[in-house]
Amino acid sequence: MREVFQSQLTEVQTRLVEIAEDTVKIIEKATKAFGTSDVSLADEAIAIADGSGNKALALDELVIKILARQSPVARDLRILVSALRISASLERMGALAGHIAAIARYRFPGAAVPASLTATFSEMGSLDVKLAKQVVELLKNTDVDFAREIQAQDARVDELHRHVFDVVLGDDWKENAMFTVDVTLASRYHERFADHVVDISSKVSYLTTGDWAETE
């Protein structure tokens, strides 16, 4: 019975990593589509996001079945509870990246971002892709120090997010309402994507230490 349980826990981790890898694909395609108005990449990102959401739902159902049948305690219980919460964050990350791709899709053949903010969104997208890749590695090899390192990188995304609002609210902003809405939403999606990365790293810290204080 114990061997079966351990096999189930391994499957949970494997599925989490798979969903995280999907998230990397979605954000990579979405940010590139957003910056280049590549509608085919946008469509690919949206399709992967839909599939990733289904995978997250299936994982949640698996975890609930394990909880009901195995009645885990201590660290095993932390693993499963953390898996549910991490799955929710990954699903949301995929959805947010899909929203970025959708903006590019809706604005095709026009650009989704004005020239004045191209560099800002390029950097923001690169940071989100980097963070998503780091989440994959963190889920493969849980490490508290690496989790803390990831959390610290969120600050730059926040700075870029504030910069977008500064530009949009500035006297020099002459773009139309469509651009104003698009860049405001896209910036928020990027910022929330990074926030979920921080949430996941905090949950991994909790999984490792059993103490929420260690995540601060």
C-alpha atoms as a PDB file:
ATOM      1  CA  MET A   1       0.000   0.000   0.000  1.00  0.00           C
ATOM      2  CA  ARG A   2       2.838   2.402   0.846  1.00  0.00           C
ATOM      3  CA  GLU A   3       4.489   1.759  -2.524  1.00  0.00           C
ATOM      4  CA  VAL A   4       1.239   2.614  -4.290  1.00  0.00           C
ATOM      5  CA  PHE A   5       0.951   5.826  -2.300  1.00  0.00           C
ATOM      6  CA  GLN A   6       4.511   6.866  -3.113  1.00  0.00           C
ATOM      7  CA  SER A   7       3.841   6.138  -6.771  1.00  0.00           C
ATOM      8  CA  GLN A   8       0.806   8.401  -6.609  1.00  0.00           C
ATOM      9  CA  LEU A   9       2.820  11.211  -5.024  1.00  0.00           C
ATOM     10  CA  THR A  10       5.399  10.883  -7.800  1.00  0.00           C
ATOM     11  CA  GLU A  11       2.635  11.111 -10.381  1.00  0.00           C
ATOM     12  CA  VAL A  12       1.356  14.295  -8.752  1.00  0.00           C
ATOM     13  CA  GLN A  13       4.793  15.895  -9.007  1.00  0.00           C
ATOM     14  CA  THR A  14       5.198  14.714 -12.604  1.00  0.00           C
ATOM     15  CA  ARG A  15       1.877  16.246 -13.570  1.00  0.00           C
ATOM     16  CA  LEU A  16       2.726  19.537 -11.860  1.00  0.00           C
ATOM     17  CA  VAL A  17       5.968  19.742 -13.811  1.00  0.00           C
ATOM     18  CA  GLU A  18       4.119  18.964 -17.045  1.00  0.00           C
ATOM     19  CA  ILE A  19       1.621  21.769 -16.436  1.00  0.00           C
ATOM     20  CA  ALA A  20       4.471  24.147 -15.546  1.00  0.00           C
ATOM     21  CA  GLU A  21       6.230  23.234 -18.799  1.00  0.00           C
ATOM     22  CA  ASP A  22       3.028  24.008 -20.681  1.00  0.00           C
ATOM     23  CA  THR A  23       2.970  27.382 -18.950  1.00  0.00           C
ATOM     24  CA  VAL A  24       6.451  28.129 -20.287  1.00  0.00           C
ATOM     25  CA  LYS A  25       5.265  27.352 -23.820  1.00  0.00           C
ATOM     26  CA  ILE A  26       2.197  29.543 -23.432  1.00  0.00           C
ATOM     27  CA  ILE A  27       4.022  32.600 -22.104  1.00  0.00           C
ATOM     28  CA  GLU A  28       6.810  32.260 -24.684  1.00  0.00           C
ATOM     29  CA  LYS A  29       4.351  32.146 -27.572  1.00  0.00           C
ATOM     30  CA  ALA A  30       2.058  34.769 -26.081  1.00  0.00           C
ATOM     31  CA  THR A  31       4.745  37.368 -25.453  1.00  0.00           C
ATOM     32  CA  LYS A  32       6.239  36.866 -28.885  1.00  0.00           C
ATOM     33  CA  ALA A  33       2.799  37.149 -30.494  1.00  0.00           C
ATOM     34  CA  PHE A  34       2.102  40.294 -28.496  1.00  0.00           C
ATOM     35  CA  GLY A  35       5.329  41.947 -29.614  1.00  0.00           C
ATOM     36  CA  THR A  36       5.261  40.855 -33.263  1.00  0.00           C
ATOM     37  CA  SER A  37       1.520  40.565 -34.058  1.00  0.00           C
ATOM     38  CA  ASP A  38       2.036  36.906 -34.986  1.00  0.00           C
ATOM     39  CA  VAL A  39      -1.498  35.554 -35.023  1.00  0.00           C
ATOM     40  CA  SER A  40      -0.442  31.933 -35.499  1.00  0.00           C
ATOM     41  CA  LEU A  41       1.619  32.032 -32.309  1.00  0.00           C
ATOM     42  CA  ALA A  42      -1.276  33.666 -30.503  1.00  0.00           C
ATOM     43  CA  ASP A  43      -3.598  30.863 -31.573  1.00  0.00           C
ATOM     44  CA  GLU A  44      -1.074  28.244 -30.462  1.00  0.00           C
ATOM     45  CA  ALA A  45      -0.733  29.891 -27.057  1.00  0.00           C
ATOM     46  CA  ILE A  46      -4.497  30.018 -26.561  1.00  0.00           C
ATOM     47  CA  ALA A  47      -4.885  26.366 -27.536  1.00  0.00           C
ATOM     48  CA  ILE A  48      -2.161  25.224 -25.132  1.00  0.00           C
ATOM     49  CA  ALA A  49      -3.708  27.333 -22.368  1.00  0.00           C
ATOM     50  CA  ASP A  50      -7.039  25.573 -22.836  1.00  0.00           C
ATOM     51  CA  GLY A  51      -5.376  22.155 -22.678  1.00  0.00           C
ATOM     52  CA  SER A  52      -3.319  23.124 -19.647  1.00  0.00           C
ATOM     53  CA  GLY A  53      -6.453  24.157 -17.794  1.00  0.00           C
ATOM     54  CA  ASN A  54      -7.903  20.701 -18.381  1.00  0.00           C
ATOM     55  CA  LYS A  55      -4.705  19.098 -17.095  1.00  0.00           C
ATOM     56  CA  ALA A  56      -4.895  21.179 -13.923  1.00  0.00           C
ATOM     57  CA  LEU A  57      -8.471  20.067 -13.356  1.00  0.00           C
ATOM     58  CA  ALA A  58      -7.500  16.408 -13.835  1.00  0.00           C
ATOM     59  CA  LEU A  59      -4.637  16.811 -11.372  1.00  0.00           C
ATOM     60  CA  ASP A  60      -6.939  18.329  -8.781  1.00  0.00           C
ATOM     61  CA  GLU A  61      -9.284  15.362  -9.136  1.00  0.00           C
ATOM     62  CA  LEU A  62      -6.364  12.958  -8.658  1.00  0.00           C
ATOM     63  CA  VAL A  63      -5.185  14.741  -5.515  1.00  0.00           C
ATOM     64  CA  ILE A  64      -8.669  14.729  -4.030  1.00  0.00           C
ATOM     65  CA  LYS A  65      -8.967  10.982  -4.643  1.00  0.00           C
ATOM     66  CA  ILE A  66      -5.610  10.373  -2.952  1.00  0.00           C
ATOM     67  CA  LEU A  67      -6.627  12.471   0.036  1.00  0.00           C
ATOM     68  CA  ALA A  68      -9.890  10.552   0.378  1.00  0.00           C
ATOM     69  CA  ARG A  69      -8.376   7.086   0.010  1.00  0.00           C
ATOM     70  CA  GLN A  70      -4.997   7.417   1.727  1.00  0.00           C
ATOM     71  CA  SER A  71      -5.699   9.846   4.599  1.00  0.00           C
ATOM     72  CA  PRO A  72      -2.119  11.212   4.517  1.00  0.00           C
ATOM     73  CA  VAL A  73      -0.520  13.040   7.446  1.00  0.00           C
ATOM     74  CA  ALA A  74       2.518  15.259   8.134  1.00  0.00           C
ATOM     75  CA  ARG A  75       4.718  15.956   5.091  1.00  0.00           C
ATOM     76  CA  ASP A  76       2.656  13.753   2.766  1.00  0.00           C
ATOM     77  CA  LEU A  77      -0.391  15.838   3.573  1.00  0.00           C
ATOM     78  CA  ARG A  78       1.585  19.036   2.947  1.00  0.00           C
ATOM     79  CA  ILE A  79       2.640  17.708  -0.455  1.00  0.00           C
ATOM     80  CA  LEU A  80      -0.929  17.098  -1.545  1.00  0.00           C
ATOM     81  CA  VAL A  81      -2.379  20.310  -0.151  1.00  0.00           C
ATOM     82  CA  SER A  82       0.478  22.276  -1.726  1.00  0.00           C
ATOM     83  CA  ALA A  83      -0.113  20.472  -5.021  1.00  0.00           C
ATOM     84  CA  LEU A  84      -3.714  21.670  -5.105  1.00  0.00           C
ATOM     85  CA  ARG A  85      -2.669  25.261  -4.512  1.00  0.00           C
ATOM     86  CA  ILE A  86       0.255  25.125  -6.937  1.00  0.00           C
ATOM     87  CA  SER A  87      -2.005  23.611  -9.587  1.00  0.00           C
ATOM     88  CA  ALA A  88      -4.400  26.532  -9.167  1.00  0.00           C
ATOM     89  CA  SER A  89      -1.553  29.042  -9.581  1.00  0.00           C
ATOM     90  CA  LEU A  90      -0.223  27.279 -12.675  1.00  0.00           C
ATOM     91  CA  GLU A  91      -3.679  27.167 -14.214  1.00  0.00           C
ATOM     92  CA  ARG A  92      -4.065  30.886 -13.613  1.00  0.00           C
ATOM     93  CA  MET A  93      -0.624  31.608 -15.074  1.00  0.00           C
ATOM     94  CA  GLY A  94      -1.596  29.776 -18.235  1.00  0.00           C
ATOM     95  CA  ALA A  95      -4.863  31.684 -18.423  1.00  0.00           C
ATOM     96  CA  LEU A  96      -3.117  35.045 -17.957  1.00  0.00           C
ATOM     97  CA  ALA A  97      -0.615  34.235 -20.686  1.00  0.00           C
ATOM     98  CA  GLY A  98      -3.540  33.190 -22.868  1.00  0.00           C
ATOM     99  CA  HIS A  99      -5.140  36.593 -22.277  1.00  0.00           C
ATOM    100  CA  ILE A 100      -1.953  38.278 -23.530  1.00  0.00           C
ATOM    101  CA  ALA A 101      -2.100  36.134 -26.664  1.00  0.00           C
ATOM    102  CA  ALA A 102      -5.788  36.959 -27.094  1.00  0.00           C
ATOM    103  CA  ILE A 103      -5.017  40.691 -27.193  1.00  0.00           C
ATOM    104  CA  ALA A 104      -2.542  40.073 -30.021  1.00  0.00           C
ATOM    105  CA  ARG A 105      -5.140  37.896 -31.750  1.00  0.00           C
ATOM    106  CA  TYR A 106      -7.884  40.504 -31.548  1.00  0.00           C
ATOM    107  CA  ARG A 107      -5.683  43.343 -32.798  1.00  0.00           C
ATOM    108  CA  PHE A 108      -4.302  41.428 -35.798  1.00  0.00           C
ATOM    109  CA  PRO A 109      -3.239  42.613 -38.345  1.00  0.00           C
ATOM    110  CA  GLY A 110      -2.544  45.736 -36.320  1.00  0.00           C
ATOM    111  CA  ALA A 111      -0.039  46.010 -33.490  1.00  0.00           C
ATOM    112  CA  ALA A 112      -1.099  45.318 -29.918  1.00  0.00           C
ATOM    113  CA  VAL A 113       1.503  47.610 -28.377  1.00  0.00           C
ATOM    114  CA  PRO A 114       2.643  51.113 -29.451  1.00  0.00           C
ATOM    115  CA  ALA A 115       6.287  51.810 -30.216  1.00  0.00           C
ATOM    116  CA  SER A 116       6.703  53.840 -27.034  1.00  0.00           C
ATOM    117  CA  LEU A 117       6.154  50.727 -24.892  1.00  0.00           C
ATOM    118  CA  THR A 118       7.665  48.025 -27.091  1.00  0.00           C
ATOM    119  CA  ALA A 119      10.895  47.796 -25.088  1.00  0.00           C
ATOM    120  CA  THR A 120       9.017  47.734 -21.784  1.00  0.00           C
ATOM    121  CA  PHE A 121       6.804  44.838 -22.791  1.00  0.00           C
ATOM    122  CA  SER A 122       9.733  43.016 -24.353  1.00  0.00           C
ATOM    123  CA  GLU A 123      11.590  43.089 -21.041  1.00  0.00           C
ATOM    124  CA  MET A 124       8.484  42.228 -19.057  1.00  0.00           C
ATOM    125  CA  GLY A 125       7.805  39.258 -21.304  1.00  0.00           C
ATOM    126  CA  SER A 126      11.389  38.031 -21.075  1.00  0.00           C
ATOM    127  CA  LEU A 127      11.266  38.185 -17.290  1.00  0.00           C
ATOM    128  CA  ASP A 128       8.010  36.230 -17.162  1.00  0.00           C
ATOM    129  CA  VAL A 129       9.429  33.561 -19.449  1.00  0.00           C
ATOM    130  CA  LYS A 130      12.517  33.312 -17.258  1.00  0.00           C
ATOM    131  CA  LEU A 131      10.404  33.030 -14.106  1.00  0.00           C
ATOM    132  CA  ALA A 132       8.202  30.363 -15.683  1.00  0.00           C
ATOM    133  CA  LYS A 133      11.261  28.286 -16.583  1.00  0.00           C
ATOM    134  CA  GLN A 134      12.559  28.642 -13.044  1.00  0.00           C
ATOM    135  CA  VAL A 135       9.251  27.363 -11.682  1.00  0.00           C
ATOM    136  CA  VAL A 136       9.721  24.204 -13.730  1.00  0.00           C
ATOM    137  CA  GLU A 137      13.144  23.653 -12.194  1.00  0.00           C
ATOM    138  CA  LEU A 138      11.831  24.439  -8.719  1.00  0.00           C
ATOM    139  CA  LEU A 139       9.064  21.857  -9.027  1.00  0.00           C
ATOM    140  CA  LYS A 140      11.539  19.252 -10.229  1.00  0.00           C
ATOM    141  CA  ASN A 141      13.966  19.913  -7.377  1.00  0.00           C
ATOM    142  CA  THR A 142      12.368  21.698  -4.434  1.00  0.00           C
ATOM    143  CA  ASP A 143      14.896  23.979  -2.806  1.00  0.00           C
ATOM    144  CA  VAL A 144      14.154  26.740  -0.300  1.00  0.00           C
ATOM    145  CA  ASP A 145      17.119  28.925  -1.325  1.00  0.00           C
ATOM    146  CA  PHE A 146      16.146  28.725  -4.994  1.00  0.00           C
ATOM    147  CA  ALA A 147      12.543  29.535  -4.057  1.00  0.00           C
ATOM    148  CA  ARG A 148      13.691  32.687  -2.265  1.00  0.00           C
ATOM    149  CA  GLU A 149      15.861  33.656  -5.226  1.00  0.00           C
ATOM    150  CA  ILE A 150      12.847  33.405  -7.523  1.00  0.00           C
ATOM    151  CA  GLN A 151      10.717  35.534  -5.207  1.00  0.00           C
ATOM    152  CA  ALA A 152      13.249  38.364  -5.311  1.00  0.00           C
ATOM    153  CA  GLN A 153      13.017  38.642  -9.116  1.00  0.00           C
ATOM    154  CA  ASP A 154       9.386  39.731  -9.017  1.00  0.00           C
ATOM    155  CA  ALA A 155      10.394  43.281  -8.073  1.00  0.00           C
ATOM    156  CA  ARG A 156      11.577  44.205 -11.580  1.00  0.00           C
ATOM    157  CA  VAL A 157       8.278  43.090 -13.129  1.00  0.00           C
ATOM    158  CA  ASP A 158       6.459  45.312 -10.633  1.00  0.00           C
ATOM    159  CA  GLU A 159       8.668  48.253 -11.655  1.00  0.00           C
ATOM    160  CA  LEU A 160       7.873  47.742 -15.330  1.00  0.00           C
ATOM    161  CA  HIS A 161       4.176  47.438 -14.549  1.00  0.00           C
ATOM    162  CA  ARG A 162       4.252  50.799 -12.758  1.00  0.00           C
ATOM    163  CA  HIS A 163       6.182  52.297 -15.674  1.00  0.00           C
ATOM    164  CA  VAL A 164       3.406  51.338 -18.096  1.00  0.00           C
ATOM    165  CA  PHE A 165       0.889  53.213 -15.962  1.00  0.00           C
ATOM    166  CA  ASP A 166       3.222  56.208 -15.708  1.00  0.00           C
ATOM    167  CA  VAL A 167       3.465  56.348 -19.496  1.00  0.00           C
ATOM    168  CA  VAL A 168      -0.256  55.910 -20.097  1.00  0.00           C
ATOM    169  CA  LEU A 169      -1.142  58.585 -17.542  1.00  0.00           C
ATOM    170  CA  GLY A 170       1.564  60.975 -18.738  1.00  0.00           C
ATOM    171  CA  ASP A 171       0.986  64.136 -20.738  1.00  0.00           C
ATOM    172  CA  ASP A 172       2.908  62.713 -23.716  1.00  0.00           C
ATOM    173  CA  TRP A 173       0.538  59.747 -24.174  1.00  0.00           C
ATOM    174  CA  LYS A 174      -1.384  60.408 -27.398  1.00  0.00           C
ATOM    175  CA  GLU A 175      -2.462  56.875 -28.311  1.00  0.00           C
ATOM    176  CA  ASN A 176      -6.103  55.963 -28.882  1.00  0.00           C
ATOM    177  CA  ALA A 177      -8.383  54.292 -26.361  1.00  0.00           C
ATOM    178  CA  MET A 178      -7.758  50.832 -27.840  1.00  0.00           C
ATOM    179  CA  PHE A 179      -4.032  51.032 -27.123  1.00  0.00           C
ATOM    180  CA  THR A 180      -4.703  52.424 -23.662  1.00  0.00           C
ATOM    181  CA  VAL A 181      -6.943  49.496 -22.750  1.00  0.00           C
ATOM    182  CA  ASP A 182      -4.691  46.882 -24.355  1.00  0.00           C
ATOM    183  CA  VAL A 183      -1.435  47.925 -22.718  1.00  0.00           C
ATOM    184  CA  THR A 184      -3.090  48.455 -19.334  1.00  0.00           C
ATOM    185  CA  LEU A 185      -4.601  44.972 -19.373  1.00  0.00           C
ATOM    186  CA  ALA A 186      -1.491  43.319 -20.800  1.00  0.00           C
ATOM    187  CA  SER A 187       0.723  44.931 -18.184  1.00  0.00           C
ATOM    188  CA  ARG A 188      -1.588  43.691 -15.434  1.00  0.00           C
ATOM    189  CA  TYR A 189      -1.539  40.169 -16.889  1.00  0.00           C
ATOM    190  CA  HIS A 190       2.275  40.174 -16.924  1.00  0.00           C
ATOM    191  CA  GLU A 191       2.420  41.460 -13.356  1.00  0.00           C
ATOM    192  CA  ARG A 192      -0.085  38.905 -12.071  1.00  0.00           C
ATOM    193  CA  PHE A 193       1.769  36.119 -13.910  1.00  0.00           C
ATOM    194  CA  ALA A 194       4.897  36.978 -11.936  1.00  0.00           C
ATOM    195  CA  ASP A 195       2.892  37.209  -8.711  1.00  0.00           C
ATOM    196  CA  HIS A 196       1.719  33.628  -9.183  1.00  0.00           C
ATOM    197  CA  VAL A 197       5.342  32.552  -9.613  1.00  0.00           C
ATOM    198  CA  VAL A 198       6.056  34.085  -6.206  1.00  0.00           C
ATOM    199  CA  ASP A 199       3.026  32.290  -4.779  1.00  0.00           C
ATOM    200  CA  ILE A 200       4.293  28.961  -6.074  1.00  0.00           C
ATOM    201  CA  SER A 201       7.772  29.517  -4.685  1.00  0.00           C
ATOM    202  CA  SER A 202       6.214  30.330  -1.304  1.00  0.00           C
ATOM    203  CA  LYS A 203       4.230  27.098  -1.394  1.00  0.00           C
ATOM    204  CA  VAL A 204       7.359  25.129  -2.230  1.00  0.00           C
ATOM    205  CA  SER A 205       9.082  26.733   0.755  1.00  0.00           C
ATOM    206  CA  TYR A 206       6.171  25.679   2.941  1.00  0.00           C
ATOM    207  CA  LEU A 207       6.299  22.173   1.501  1.00  0.00           C
ATOM    208  CA  THR A 208       9.978  21.913   2.384  1.00  0.00           C
ATOM    209  CA  THR A 209       9.941  23.526   5.802  1.00  0.00           C
ATOM    210  CA  GLY A 210       6.360  23.140   7.014  1.00  0.00           C
ATOM    211  CA  ASP A 211       6.442  26.752   8.182  1.00  0.00           C
ATOM    212  CA  TRP A 212       4.705  29.645   6.401  1.00  0.00           C
ATOM    213  CA  ALA A 213       7.099  32.041   8.136  1.00  0.00           C
ATOM    214  CA  GLU A 214       9.869  30.639   5.965  1.00  0.00           C
ATOM    215  CA  THR A 215       8.137  32.009   2.884  1.00  0.00           C
ATOM    216  CA  GLU A 216       8.412  35.643   3.915  1.00  0.00           C
END
